[in-house]
């Protein structure tokens, strides 16, 4: 059995959302790093296979950031238990 505090921690949506945003921010910084490496390689040597690989990795990181924001939207959705109210039409 899992401890009660662990269950509450795993159910905390705000904690998950903040963790996803932190990972997305680090991933975004990594994409800038690889774009910078590609630009530096293109300026220095006119473009080699390393620049192409750096651009591919940078685009992967950008796509991952987009995925993480979509994931944070899924985490944000909450189940709403609202009663369905039917008006009385017998009158």
C-alpha atoms as a PDB file:
ATOM      1  CA  UNK A   1       0.000   0.000   0.000  1.00  0.00           C
ATOM      2  CA  UNK A   2       1.157   3.521  -0.716  1.00  0.00           C
ATOM      3  CA  UNK A   3       1.344   5.952   2.164  1.00  0.00           C
ATOM      4  CA  UNK A   4      -1.388   8.559   2.398  1.00  0.00           C
ATOM      5  CA  UNK A   5       1.034  11.490   1.891  1.00  0.00           C
ATOM      6  CA  UNK A   6       2.344   9.909  -1.313  1.00  0.00           C
ATOM      7  CA  UNK A   7      -1.165   9.553  -2.702  1.00  0.00           C
ATOM      8  CA  UNK A   8      -1.898  13.201  -1.938  1.00  0.00           C
ATOM      9  CA  UNK A   9       1.403  14.231  -3.521  1.00  0.00           C
ATOM     10  CA  UNK A  10       0.686  12.277  -6.705  1.00  0.00           C
ATOM     11  CA  UNK A  11      -2.831  13.745  -6.902  1.00  0.00           C
ATOM     12  CA  UNK A  12      -1.617  17.349  -6.575  1.00  0.00           C
ATOM     13  CA  UNK A  13      -2.263  18.808 -10.042  1.00  0.00           C
ATOM     14  CA  UNK A  14      -0.483  22.091  -9.310  1.00  0.00           C
ATOM     15  CA  UNK A  15       2.696  20.203  -8.410  1.00  0.00           C
ATOM     16  CA  UNK A  16       2.545  18.257 -11.683  1.00  0.00           C
ATOM     17  CA  UNK A  17       1.862  21.433 -13.655  1.00  0.00           C
ATOM     18  CA  UNK A  18       4.840  23.222 -12.082  1.00  0.00           C
ATOM     19  CA  UNK A  19       7.084  20.218 -12.759  1.00  0.00           C
ATOM     20  CA  UNK A  20       5.997  20.151 -16.414  1.00  0.00           C
ATOM     21  CA  UNK A  21       6.605  23.894 -16.769  1.00  0.00           C
ATOM     22  CA  UNK A  22      10.075  23.523 -15.232  1.00  0.00           C
ATOM     23  CA  UNK A  23      10.998  20.739 -17.643  1.00  0.00           C
ATOM     24  CA  UNK A  24       9.581  22.776 -20.547  1.00  0.00           C
ATOM     25  CA  UNK A  25      11.695  25.788 -19.554  1.00  0.00           C
ATOM     26  CA  UNK A  26      14.892  23.724 -19.383  1.00  0.00           C
ATOM     27  CA  UNK A  27      14.021  22.132 -22.738  1.00  0.00           C
ATOM     28  CA  UNK A  28      13.414  25.583 -24.243  1.00  0.00           C
ATOM     29  CA  UNK A  29      16.857  26.702 -23.068  1.00  0.00           C
ATOM     30  CA  UNK A  30      18.398  23.592 -24.620  1.00  0.00           C
ATOM     31  CA  UNK A  31      16.778  24.428 -27.953  1.00  0.00           C
ATOM     32  CA  UNK A  32      18.414  27.883 -27.843  1.00  0.00           C
ATOM     33  CA  UNK A  33      21.737  26.242 -27.046  1.00  0.00           C
ATOM     34  CA  UNK A  34      21.576  23.963 -30.075  1.00  0.00           C
ATOM     35  CA  UNK A  35      20.348  26.733 -32.368  1.00  0.00           C
ATOM     36  CA  UNK A  36      23.329  28.793 -31.178  1.00  0.00           C
ATOM     37  CA  UNK A  37      25.717  25.923 -31.803  1.00  0.00           C
ATOM     38  CA  UNK A  38      24.342  25.491 -35.319  1.00  0.00           C
ATOM     39  CA  UNK A  39      24.655  29.196 -36.104  1.00  0.00           C
ATOM     40  CA  UNK A  40      28.208  29.281 -34.737  1.00  0.00           C
ATOM     41  CA  UNK A  41      29.144  26.277 -36.873  1.00  0.00           C
ATOM     42  CA  UNK A  42      27.585  27.833 -39.974  1.00  0.00           C
ATOM     43  CA  UNK A  43      29.475  31.101 -39.414  1.00  0.00           C
ATOM     44  CA  UNK A  44      32.763  29.360 -38.711  1.00  0.00           C
ATOM     45  CA  UNK A  45      32.875  26.656 -41.350  1.00  0.00           C
ATOM     46  CA  UNK A  46      30.070  27.480 -43.732  1.00  0.00           C
ATOM     47  CA  UNK A  47      27.886  24.627 -42.515  1.00  0.00           C
ATOM     48  CA  UNK A  48      28.809  21.024 -41.888  1.00  0.00           C
ATOM     49  CA  UNK A  49      26.889  17.932 -40.929  1.00  0.00           C
ATOM     50  CA  UNK A  50      27.299  18.998 -37.294  1.00  0.00           C
ATOM     51  CA  UNK A  51      25.247  22.133 -37.998  1.00  0.00           C
ATOM     52  CA  UNK A  52      22.501  20.042 -39.561  1.00  0.00           C
ATOM     53  CA  UNK A  53      22.475  17.699 -36.568  1.00  0.00           C
ATOM     54  CA  UNK A  54      22.383  20.680 -34.185  1.00  0.00           C
ATOM     55  CA  UNK A  55      19.388  22.110 -36.057  1.00  0.00           C
ATOM     56  CA  UNK A  56      17.591  18.761 -35.921  1.00  0.00           C
ATOM     57  CA  UNK A  57      18.203  18.472 -32.177  1.00  0.00           C
ATOM     58  CA  UNK A  58      17.041  22.066 -31.652  1.00  0.00           C
ATOM     59  CA  UNK A  59      13.821  21.355 -33.548  1.00  0.00           C
ATOM     60  CA  UNK A  60      13.311  18.214 -31.459  1.00  0.00           C
ATOM     61  CA  UNK A  61      13.544  20.315 -28.299  1.00  0.00           C
ATOM     62  CA  UNK A  62      11.060  22.861 -29.678  1.00  0.00           C
ATOM     63  CA  UNK A  63       8.598  20.085 -30.519  1.00  0.00           C
ATOM     64  CA  UNK A  64       9.080  18.656 -27.038  1.00  0.00           C
ATOM     65  CA  UNK A  65       8.253  22.056 -25.509  1.00  0.00           C
ATOM     66  CA  UNK A  66       5.022  22.152 -27.518  1.00  0.00           C
ATOM     67  CA  UNK A  67       4.172  18.632 -26.339  1.00  0.00           C
ATOM     68  CA  UNK A  68       4.833  19.608 -22.721  1.00  0.00           C
ATOM     69  CA  UNK A  69       2.478  22.581 -22.962  1.00  0.00           C
ATOM     70  CA  UNK A  70      -0.215  20.306 -24.415  1.00  0.00           C
ATOM     71  CA  UNK A  71       0.435  17.903 -21.543  1.00  0.00           C
ATOM     72  CA  UNK A  72       0.108  20.705 -18.999  1.00  0.00           C
ATOM     73  CA  UNK A  73      -3.274  21.546 -20.524  1.00  0.00           C
ATOM     74  CA  UNK A  74      -4.367  17.952 -20.019  1.00  0.00           C
ATOM     75  CA  UNK A  75      -3.206  18.085 -16.409  1.00  0.00           C
ATOM     76  CA  UNK A  76      -5.097  21.332 -15.875  1.00  0.00           C
ATOM     77  CA  UNK A  77      -8.458  19.852 -16.860  1.00  0.00           C
ATOM     78  CA  UNK A  78     -10.381  18.925 -13.792  1.00  0.00           C
ATOM     79  CA  UNK A  79     -13.271  16.584 -13.435  1.00  0.00           C
ATOM     80  CA  UNK A  80     -16.265  18.627 -12.460  1.00  0.00           C
ATOM     81  CA  UNK A  81     -18.994  16.857 -10.570  1.00  0.00           C
ATOM     82  CA  UNK A  82     -21.964  19.100 -11.189  1.00  0.00           C
ATOM     83  CA  UNK A  83     -25.471  17.821 -10.715  1.00  0.00           C
ATOM     84  CA  UNK A  84     -27.693  17.919 -13.753  1.00  0.00           C
ATOM     85  CA  UNK A  85     -30.684  20.123 -13.011  1.00  0.00           C
ATOM     86  CA  UNK A  86     -33.866  19.450 -14.955  1.00  0.00           C
ATOM     87  CA  UNK A  87     -36.536  22.133 -14.688  1.00  0.00           C
ATOM     88  CA  UNK A  88     -39.976  21.052 -13.535  1.00  0.00           C
ATOM     89  CA  UNK A  89     -42.256  21.260 -16.586  1.00  0.00           C
ATOM     90  CA  UNK A  90     -45.343  19.763 -14.991  1.00  0.00           C
ATOM     91  CA  UNK A  91     -46.787  23.183 -14.123  1.00  0.00           C
END
